[in-house]
Amino acid sequence: MKIDASDSLDIFVDSWACWQPRIGKPARYASCRGGHYEKADIDEPALKDVPAMQRRRLSPLARVAFHVLGQCADMSKEEPVVFSSVMGEIQRTQRILETIATDQPVSPAAFSLSVHNSISGQWSVIHGIKAPMIALSPPDGSAVAALLEAIGILLESTYRAVNVVFYEEDYPEFYSPFLTGPIAAGALALRLVAPELAGNRTRRWKLQASENTHSGAEPGGALQLAPLLFGALKALEIAEPQSTWRLECCN
């Protein structure tokens, strides 16, 4: 899919959910589905639909990703999911690296749960979903790569709804001189639908390659779309290493 500054793509958001971590306070959770808006302060996701044995294997990052995704996806249907995270299970990965550094054996289970598509695999297996699962690591945490991937799936016409989930967790202290992560695990999920499924309560966004440079554009991040969902912003410019994008609310 080739896009230049004159192109624009419509995105139809059928439902969304957001988990925002806060220092010393419960996380702020908000969602909107079928026109019903919900918000609450929650200490941790309950995930009652996940069997206890499998729930214990989920990391804090996987739990918040599962929570927001479960509020958006139509679990009665086979729906693809695009998972987007810069570092993924970085806490698990760091523990494995520290284990290797001390010449200790690495648990195969720990390794399998640390790879970048581990959360997507767990979601697919636990819920018995055979639709495509895609795990991305976007530049600067940009939301654009996942949105374009979802649009491409919808344009293929095999599926008429696609879920997108952005998630990131706090980085180990080792990375603090080089990278700045969130204060704790956070996530944001969207259910995107084909135009013919859009209703009066469906939000329409327009995504366009911007002619502007990085000046004034926001860096990427798992929760960078939250102000658009909450109505605090009408448009957002997203900076990537070699391009800038404009995402605009149209209703």
C-alpha atoms as a PDB file:
ATOM      1  CA  MET A   1       0.000   0.000   0.000  1.00  0.00           C
ATOM      2  CA  LYS A   2       1.745   3.162  -1.241  1.00  0.00           C
ATOM      3  CA  ILE A   3       0.630   6.412   0.392  1.00  0.00           C
ATOM      4  CA  ASP A   4       1.746   9.972  -0.358  1.00  0.00           C
ATOM      5  CA  ALA A   5       0.770  13.299   1.152  1.00  0.00           C
ATOM      6  CA  SER A   6      -2.284  13.623  -1.112  1.00  0.00           C
ATOM      7  CA  ASP A   7      -3.814  10.325   0.027  1.00  0.00           C
ATOM      8  CA  SER A   8      -6.097   9.862   3.009  1.00  0.00           C
ATOM      9  CA  LEU A   9      -7.555   6.730   4.547  1.00  0.00           C
ATOM     10  CA  ASP A  10     -10.790   6.475   6.496  1.00  0.00           C
ATOM     11  CA  ILE A  11     -10.729   4.541   9.768  1.00  0.00           C
ATOM     12  CA  PHE A  12     -13.993   3.519  11.418  1.00  0.00           C
ATOM     13  CA  VAL A  13     -13.671   2.922  15.176  1.00  0.00           C
ATOM     14  CA  ASP A  14     -16.558   0.773  16.394  1.00  0.00           C
ATOM     15  CA  SER A  15     -15.379   0.477  20.019  1.00  0.00           C
ATOM     16  CA  TRP A  16     -12.338   1.241  22.144  1.00  0.00           C
ATOM     17  CA  ALA A  17     -10.845   0.688  25.599  1.00  0.00           C
ATOM     18  CA  CYS A  18      -7.912   2.284  27.391  1.00  0.00           C
ATOM     19  CA  TRP A  19      -5.876   1.368  30.496  1.00  0.00           C
ATOM     20  CA  GLN A  20      -3.752   4.271  31.772  1.00  0.00           C
ATOM     21  CA  PRO A  21      -1.356   3.592  34.681  1.00  0.00           C
ATOM     22  CA  ARG A  22      -0.868   6.222  37.410  1.00  0.00           C
ATOM     23  CA  ILE A  23       1.801   6.629  40.084  1.00  0.00           C
ATOM     24  CA  GLY A  24       0.577   5.585  43.513  1.00  0.00           C
ATOM     25  CA  LYS A  25      -3.030   5.255  42.346  1.00  0.00           C
ATOM     26  CA  PRO A  26      -5.222   2.643  40.658  1.00  0.00           C
ATOM     27  CA  ALA A  27      -5.089   2.696  36.880  1.00  0.00           C
ATOM     28  CA  ARG A  28      -7.623   4.807  35.020  1.00  0.00           C
ATOM     29  CA  TYR A  29      -9.768   2.628  32.774  1.00  0.00           C
ATOM     30  CA  ALA A  30     -12.208   3.861  30.149  1.00  0.00           C
ATOM     31  CA  SER A  31     -14.086   2.211  27.303  1.00  0.00           C
ATOM     32  CA  CYS A  32     -16.824   2.861  24.784  1.00  0.00           C
ATOM     33  CA  ARG A  33     -18.820   0.117  23.082  1.00  0.00           C
ATOM     34  CA  GLY A  34     -22.155   0.403  21.332  1.00  0.00           C
ATOM     35  CA  GLY A  35     -22.362   4.015  22.427  1.00  0.00           C
ATOM     36  CA  HIS A  36     -22.063   3.011  26.086  1.00  0.00           C
ATOM     37  CA  TYR A  37     -19.243   4.858  27.835  1.00  0.00           C
ATOM     38  CA  GLU A  38     -17.653   3.430  30.985  1.00  0.00           C
ATOM     39  CA  LYS A  39     -14.858   4.638  33.236  1.00  0.00           C
ATOM     40  CA  ALA A  40     -13.405   3.378  36.504  1.00  0.00           C
ATOM     41  CA  ASP A  41     -10.294   3.284  38.658  1.00  0.00           C
ATOM     42  CA  ILE A  42      -9.019  -0.320  38.796  1.00  0.00           C
ATOM     43  CA  ASP A  43      -6.081  -1.850  40.661  1.00  0.00           C
ATOM     44  CA  GLU A  44      -5.616  -4.764  38.261  1.00  0.00           C
ATOM     45  CA  PRO A  45      -7.596  -6.589  35.566  1.00  0.00           C
ATOM     46  CA  ALA A  46      -9.801  -9.422  36.826  1.00  0.00           C
ATOM     47  CA  LEU A  47      -9.849 -11.409  33.543  1.00  0.00           C
ATOM     48  CA  LYS A  48     -12.551 -13.741  34.821  1.00  0.00           C
ATOM     49  CA  ASP A  49     -12.993 -15.175  31.316  1.00  0.00           C
ATOM     50  CA  VAL A  50      -9.443 -16.592  31.413  1.00  0.00           C
ATOM     51  CA  PRO A  51      -8.985 -19.939  33.241  1.00  0.00           C
ATOM     52  CA  ALA A  52      -7.019 -19.536  36.479  1.00  0.00           C
ATOM     53  CA  MET A  53      -4.099 -21.741  35.387  1.00  0.00           C
ATOM     54  CA  GLN A  54      -3.611 -19.752  32.190  1.00  0.00           C
ATOM     55  CA  ARG A  55      -4.241 -16.442  33.953  1.00  0.00           C
ATOM     56  CA  ARG A  56      -1.311 -17.103  36.284  1.00  0.00           C
ATOM     57  CA  ARG A  57       1.015 -17.305  33.292  1.00  0.00           C
ATOM     58  CA  LEU A  58       0.058 -13.836  32.090  1.00  0.00           C
ATOM     59  CA  SER A  59       2.442 -11.001  32.876  1.00  0.00           C
ATOM     60  CA  PRO A  60       1.154  -7.576  34.036  1.00  0.00           C
ATOM     61  CA  LEU A  61       1.584  -6.393  30.443  1.00  0.00           C
ATOM     62  CA  ALA A  62      -0.383  -9.311  29.006  1.00  0.00           C
ATOM     63  CA  ARG A  63      -3.129  -8.769  31.570  1.00  0.00           C
ATOM     64  CA  VAL A  64      -3.788  -5.152  30.613  1.00  0.00           C
ATOM     65  CA  ALA A  65      -3.584  -5.992  26.898  1.00  0.00           C
ATOM     66  CA  PHE A  66      -6.091  -8.820  27.409  1.00  0.00           C
ATOM     67  CA  HIS A  67      -8.349  -6.539  29.455  1.00  0.00           C
ATOM     68  CA  VAL A  68      -8.716  -3.750  26.898  1.00  0.00           C
ATOM     69  CA  LEU A  69      -8.847  -6.147  23.972  1.00  0.00           C
ATOM     70  CA  GLY A  70     -11.588  -8.157  25.654  1.00  0.00           C
ATOM     71  CA  GLN A  71     -13.716  -5.015  25.906  1.00  0.00           C
ATOM     72  CA  CYS A  72     -13.488  -4.352  22.157  1.00  0.00           C
ATOM     73  CA  ALA A  73     -13.376  -7.672  20.324  1.00  0.00           C
ATOM     74  CA  ASP A  74     -16.536  -9.529  19.374  1.00  0.00           C
ATOM     75  CA  MET A  75     -15.638 -12.844  20.984  1.00  0.00           C
ATOM     76  CA  SER A  76     -18.456 -14.619  19.135  1.00  0.00           C
ATOM     77  CA  LYS A  77     -16.657 -14.082  15.827  1.00  0.00           C
ATOM     78  CA  GLU A  78     -13.280 -14.839  14.289  1.00  0.00           C
ATOM     79  CA  GLU A  79     -11.572 -11.436  14.277  1.00  0.00           C
ATOM     80  CA  PRO A  80      -7.924 -10.726  13.433  1.00  0.00           C
ATOM     81  CA  VAL A  81      -5.841  -8.745  15.919  1.00  0.00           C
ATOM     82  CA  VAL A  82      -2.876  -6.465  15.274  1.00  0.00           C
ATOM     83  CA  PHE A  83      -0.660  -6.285  18.373  1.00  0.00           C
ATOM     84  CA  SER A  84       1.678  -3.285  18.547  1.00  0.00           C
ATOM     85  CA  SER A  85       4.430  -2.731  21.132  1.00  0.00           C
ATOM     86  CA  VAL A  86       7.942  -1.337  20.926  1.00  0.00           C
ATOM     87  CA  MET A  87       9.548  -3.524  23.579  1.00  0.00           C
ATOM     88  CA  GLY A  88       6.886  -6.126  24.321  1.00  0.00           C
ATOM     89  CA  GLU A  89       7.695  -8.360  27.298  1.00  0.00           C
ATOM     90  CA  ILE A  90      10.848  -6.418  28.137  1.00  0.00           C
ATOM     91  CA  GLN A  91      10.736  -7.272  31.857  1.00  0.00           C
ATOM     92  CA  ARG A  92      10.754 -11.010  31.092  1.00  0.00           C
ATOM     93  CA  THR A  93      13.455 -10.511  28.471  1.00  0.00           C
ATOM     94  CA  GLN A  94      15.686  -8.595  30.866  1.00  0.00           C
ATOM     95  CA  ARG A  95      15.406 -11.336  33.490  1.00  0.00           C
ATOM     96  CA  ILE A  96      16.463 -13.900  30.887  1.00  0.00           C
ATOM     97  CA  LEU A  97      19.459 -11.780  29.863  1.00  0.00           C
ATOM     98  CA  GLU A  98      20.504 -11.415  33.484  1.00  0.00           C
ATOM     99  CA  THR A  99      20.193 -15.184  33.919  1.00  0.00           C
ATOM    100  CA  ILE A 100      22.412 -15.786  30.886  1.00  0.00           C
ATOM    101  CA  ALA A 101      24.931 -13.229  32.207  1.00  0.00           C
ATOM    102  CA  THR A 102      25.340 -15.299  35.382  1.00  0.00           C
ATOM    103  CA  ASP A 103      25.749 -18.561  33.418  1.00  0.00           C
ATOM    104  CA  GLN A 104      22.486 -19.955  34.758  1.00  0.00           C
ATOM    105  CA  PRO A 105      20.092 -22.113  32.675  1.00  0.00           C
ATOM    106  CA  VAL A 106      17.163 -20.339  31.047  1.00  0.00           C
ATOM    107  CA  SER A 107      13.695 -21.770  31.475  1.00  0.00           C
ATOM    108  CA  PRO A 108      12.152 -22.737  28.104  1.00  0.00           C
ATOM    109  CA  ALA A 109       8.776 -21.540  29.385  1.00  0.00           C
ATOM    110  CA  ALA A 110      10.251 -18.159  30.342  1.00  0.00           C
ATOM    111  CA  PHE A 111      11.783 -17.838  26.879  1.00  0.00           C
ATOM    112  CA  SER A 112       8.561 -18.764  25.073  1.00  0.00           C
ATOM    113  CA  LEU A 113       6.676 -16.103  27.038  1.00  0.00           C
ATOM    114  CA  SER A 114       9.266 -13.409  26.311  1.00  0.00           C
ATOM    115  CA  VAL A 115       9.227 -13.397  22.504  1.00  0.00           C
ATOM    116  CA  HIS A 116       7.524 -10.477  20.786  1.00  0.00           C
ATOM    117  CA  ASN A 117       4.466 -12.429  19.636  1.00  0.00           C
ATOM    118  CA  SER A 118       3.949 -14.215  22.967  1.00  0.00           C
ATOM    119  CA  ILE A 119       0.922 -12.114  23.999  1.00  0.00           C
ATOM    120  CA  SER A 120      -0.723 -12.556  20.606  1.00  0.00           C
ATOM    121  CA  GLY A 121      -0.135 -16.301  20.825  1.00  0.00           C
ATOM    122  CA  GLN A 122      -1.615 -16.502  24.301  1.00  0.00           C
ATOM    123  CA  TRP A 123      -4.678 -14.520  23.210  1.00  0.00           C
ATOM    124  CA  SER A 124      -5.208 -16.811  20.228  1.00  0.00           C
ATOM    125  CA  VAL A 125      -4.755 -20.068  22.171  1.00  0.00           C
ATOM    126  CA  ILE A 126      -6.729 -19.112  25.280  1.00  0.00           C
ATOM    127  CA  HIS A 127      -9.715 -17.869  23.286  1.00  0.00           C
ATOM    128  CA  GLY A 128      -9.485 -20.434  20.494  1.00  0.00           C
ATOM    129  CA  ILE A 129      -9.191 -17.821  17.743  1.00  0.00           C
ATOM    130  CA  LYS A 130      -7.868 -18.976  14.371  1.00  0.00           C
ATOM    131  CA  ALA A 131      -7.995 -15.597  12.640  1.00  0.00           C
ATOM    132  CA  PRO A 132      -4.648 -13.928  11.823  1.00  0.00           C
ATOM    133  CA  MET A 133      -2.593 -12.525  14.707  1.00  0.00           C
ATOM    134  CA  ILE A 134       0.139 -10.008  13.867  1.00  0.00           C
ATOM    135  CA  ALA A 135       2.763  -8.620  16.268  1.00  0.00           C
ATOM    136  CA  LEU A 136       4.541  -5.375  15.321  1.00  0.00           C
ATOM    137  CA  SER A 137       7.355  -3.345  16.844  1.00  0.00           C
ATOM    138  CA  PRO A 138       6.752   0.129  15.360  1.00  0.00           C
ATOM    139  CA  PRO A 139       9.288   2.956  15.077  1.00  0.00           C
ATOM    140  CA  ASP A 140       9.114   5.299  18.077  1.00  0.00           C
ATOM    141  CA  GLY A 141       5.970   3.510  19.264  1.00  0.00           C
ATOM    142  CA  SER A 142       3.985   5.037  16.407  1.00  0.00           C
ATOM    143  CA  ALA A 143       0.368   3.929  16.073  1.00  0.00           C
ATOM    144  CA  VAL A 144       0.477   4.295  12.306  1.00  0.00           C
ATOM    145  CA  ALA A 145       2.009   0.926  11.415  1.00  0.00           C
ATOM    146  CA  ALA A 146      -0.722  -1.004  13.232  1.00  0.00           C
ATOM    147  CA  LEU A 147      -3.483   1.179  11.785  1.00  0.00           C
ATOM    148  CA  LEU A 148      -2.173   0.664   8.253  1.00  0.00           C
ATOM    149  CA  GLU A 149      -1.908  -3.084   8.846  1.00  0.00           C
ATOM    150  CA  ALA A 150      -5.521  -3.187  10.045  1.00  0.00           C
ATOM    151  CA  ILE A 151      -6.729  -1.109   7.091  1.00  0.00           C
ATOM    152  CA  GLY A 152      -4.940  -3.497   4.739  1.00  0.00           C
ATOM    153  CA  ILE A 153      -6.700  -6.497   6.302  1.00  0.00           C
ATOM    154  CA  LEU A 154     -10.091  -4.811   5.902  1.00  0.00           C
ATOM    155  CA  LEU A 155      -9.343  -3.923   2.280  1.00  0.00           C
ATOM    156  CA  GLU A 156      -8.712  -7.593   1.536  1.00  0.00           C
ATOM    157  CA  SER A 157     -12.445  -8.100   2.356  1.00  0.00           C
ATOM    158  CA  THR A 158     -11.972 -11.474   4.085  1.00  0.00           C
ATOM    159  CA  TYR A 159     -12.689  -9.912   7.494  1.00  0.00           C
ATOM    160  CA  ARG A 160     -15.022  -6.989   8.157  1.00  0.00           C
ATOM    161  CA  ALA A 161     -13.642  -6.146  11.600  1.00  0.00           C
ATOM    162  CA  VAL A 162     -10.089  -5.998  12.937  1.00  0.00           C
ATOM    163  CA  ASN A 163      -8.908  -5.360  16.470  1.00  0.00           C
ATOM    164  CA  VAL A 164      -5.798  -3.318  17.197  1.00  0.00           C
ATOM    165  CA  VAL A 165      -4.107  -3.224  20.593  1.00  0.00           C
ATOM    166  CA  PHE A 166      -1.204  -0.997  21.637  1.00  0.00           C
ATOM    167  CA  TYR A 167       0.613  -1.952  24.837  1.00  0.00           C
ATOM    168  CA  GLU A 168       3.842  -1.116  26.657  1.00  0.00           C
ATOM    169  CA  GLU A 169       5.271  -1.654  30.110  1.00  0.00           C
ATOM    170  CA  ASP A 170       7.835   0.118  32.271  1.00  0.00           C
ATOM    171  CA  TYR A 171      11.392  -0.604  31.206  1.00  0.00           C
ATOM    172  CA  PRO A 172      13.981  -2.183  33.509  1.00  0.00           C
ATOM    173  CA  GLU A 173      16.368   0.225  35.227  1.00  0.00           C
ATOM    174  CA  PHE A 174      19.139  -0.924  32.879  1.00  0.00           C
ATOM    175  CA  TYR A 175      17.505   1.016  30.022  1.00  0.00           C
ATOM    176  CA  SER A 176      16.976   4.311  31.858  1.00  0.00           C
ATOM    177  CA  PRO A 177      20.065   6.066  30.411  1.00  0.00           C
ATOM    178  CA  PHE A 178      18.890   5.251  26.879  1.00  0.00           C
ATOM    179  CA  LEU A 179      15.096   4.897  26.766  1.00  0.00           C
ATOM    180  CA  THR A 180      12.098   6.259  28.632  1.00  0.00           C
ATOM    181  CA  GLY A 181       9.160   3.913  29.040  1.00  0.00           C
ATOM    182  CA  PRO A 182       5.777   4.284  30.738  1.00  0.00           C
ATOM    183  CA  ILE A 183       5.483   4.251  34.528  1.00  0.00           C
ATOM    184  CA  ALA A 184       3.747   0.850  34.431  1.00  0.00           C
ATOM    185  CA  ALA A 185       1.940  -1.434  32.013  1.00  0.00           C
ATOM    186  CA  GLY A 186      -0.605   0.405  29.877  1.00  0.00           C
ATOM    187  CA  ALA A 187      -2.708  -0.500  26.854  1.00  0.00           C
ATOM    188  CA  LEU A 188      -5.221   0.839  24.363  1.00  0.00           C
ATOM    189  CA  ALA A 189      -7.433  -1.225  22.050  1.00  0.00           C
ATOM    190  CA  LEU A 190      -9.592  -0.352  19.053  1.00  0.00           C
ATOM    191  CA  ARG A 191     -12.087  -2.380  17.052  1.00  0.00           C
ATOM    192  CA  LEU A 192     -12.037  -1.151  13.474  1.00  0.00           C
ATOM    193  CA  VAL A 193     -14.815  -2.064  11.042  1.00  0.00           C
ATOM    194  CA  ALA A 194     -15.406  -1.877   7.313  1.00  0.00           C
ATOM    195  CA  PRO A 195     -17.345   1.193   6.077  1.00  0.00           C
ATOM    196  CA  GLU A 196     -20.550  -0.776   5.500  1.00  0.00           C
ATOM    197  CA  LEU A 197     -20.626  -1.761   9.193  1.00  0.00           C
ATOM    198  CA  ALA A 198     -20.203   1.801  10.442  1.00  0.00           C
ATOM    199  CA  GLY A 199     -23.221   3.202  12.291  1.00  0.00           C
ATOM    200  CA  ASN A 200     -24.232   6.501  13.835  1.00  0.00           C
ATOM    201  CA  ARG A 201     -22.113   5.797  16.910  1.00  0.00           C
ATOM    202  CA  THR A 202     -19.024   4.782  14.953  1.00  0.00           C
ATOM    203  CA  ARG A 203     -16.162   7.241  15.088  1.00  0.00           C
ATOM    204  CA  ARG A 204     -14.560   8.139  11.768  1.00  0.00           C
ATOM    205  CA  TRP A 205     -10.900   9.072  11.662  1.00  0.00           C
ATOM    206  CA  LYS A 206      -8.865  10.208   8.689  1.00  0.00           C
ATOM    207  CA  LEU A 207      -5.223   9.178   8.400  1.00  0.00           C
ATOM    208  CA  GLN A 208      -3.000  11.100   6.040  1.00  0.00           C
ATOM    209  CA  ALA A 209       0.703  11.394   5.380  1.00  0.00           C
ATOM    210  CA  SER A 210       1.620  14.917   6.477  1.00  0.00           C
ATOM    211  CA  GLU A 211       3.760  17.328   4.502  1.00  0.00           C
ATOM    212  CA  ASN A 212       5.002  18.797   7.771  1.00  0.00           C
ATOM    213  CA  THR A 213       8.334  17.848   9.267  1.00  0.00           C
ATOM    214  CA  HIS A 214       8.668  16.483  12.809  1.00  0.00           C
ATOM    215  CA  SER A 215       8.195  19.970  14.235  1.00  0.00           C
ATOM    216  CA  GLY A 216       5.127  20.001  16.469  1.00  0.00           C
ATOM    217  CA  ALA A 217       4.445  16.295  15.971  1.00  0.00           C
ATOM    218  CA  GLU A 218       3.961  14.047  18.991  1.00  0.00           C
ATOM    219  CA  PRO A 219       6.302  11.110  19.523  1.00  0.00           C
ATOM    220  CA  GLY A 220       4.758   7.655  19.521  1.00  0.00           C
ATOM    221  CA  GLY A 221       3.492   5.740  22.526  1.00  0.00           C
ATOM    222  CA  ALA A 222       0.966   3.103  23.515  1.00  0.00           C
ATOM    223  CA  LEU A 223      -1.520   5.703  24.769  1.00  0.00           C
ATOM    224  CA  GLN A 224      -0.929   8.445  22.227  1.00  0.00           C
ATOM    225  CA  LEU A 225      -4.420   8.021  20.785  1.00  0.00           C
ATOM    226  CA  ALA A 226      -6.204   8.483  24.122  1.00  0.00           C
ATOM    227  CA  PRO A 227      -6.790  12.261  23.718  1.00  0.00           C
ATOM    228  CA  LEU A 228      -8.581  11.593  20.412  1.00  0.00           C
ATOM    229  CA  LEU A 229     -10.828   9.021  22.040  1.00  0.00           C
ATOM    230  CA  PHE A 230     -11.586  11.238  25.034  1.00  0.00           C
ATOM    231  CA  GLY A 231     -12.388  14.214  22.808  1.00  0.00           C
ATOM    232  CA  ALA A 232      -9.502  16.287  24.158  1.00  0.00           C
ATOM    233  CA  LEU A 233      -8.013  16.592  20.660  1.00  0.00           C
ATOM    234  CA  LYS A 234      -9.519  16.750  17.185  1.00  0.00           C
ATOM    235  CA  ALA A 235      -6.285  15.899  15.401  1.00  0.00           C
ATOM    236  CA  LEU A 236      -2.882  14.483  16.208  1.00  0.00           C
ATOM    237  CA  GLU A 237       0.370  14.609  14.290  1.00  0.00           C
ATOM    238  CA  ILE A 238       2.509  11.526  14.834  1.00  0.00           C
ATOM    239  CA  ALA A 239       6.238  11.635  14.196  1.00  0.00           C
ATOM    240  CA  GLU A 240       8.193   8.689  12.855  1.00  0.00           C
ATOM    241  CA  PRO A 241      11.912   8.619  12.028  1.00  0.00           C
ATOM    242  CA  GLN A 242      11.365   9.351   8.334  1.00  0.00           C
ATOM    243  CA  SER A 243       7.806  10.655   8.125  1.00  0.00           C
ATOM    244  CA  THR A 244       4.990  12.468   9.876  1.00  0.00           C
ATOM    245  CA  TRP A 245       1.313  11.517   9.876  1.00  0.00           C
ATOM    246  CA  ARG A 246      -1.884  13.386  10.688  1.00  0.00           C
ATOM    247  CA  LEU A 247      -4.749  11.521  12.354  1.00  0.00           C
ATOM    248  CA  GLU A 248      -7.963  13.551  12.462  1.00  0.00           C
ATOM    249  CA  CYS A 249     -11.388  12.965  14.049  1.00  0.00           C
ATOM    250  CA  CYS A 250     -14.161  13.601  11.536  1.00  0.00           C
ATOM    251  CA  ASN A 251     -17.184  13.246  13.851  1.00  0.00           C
END
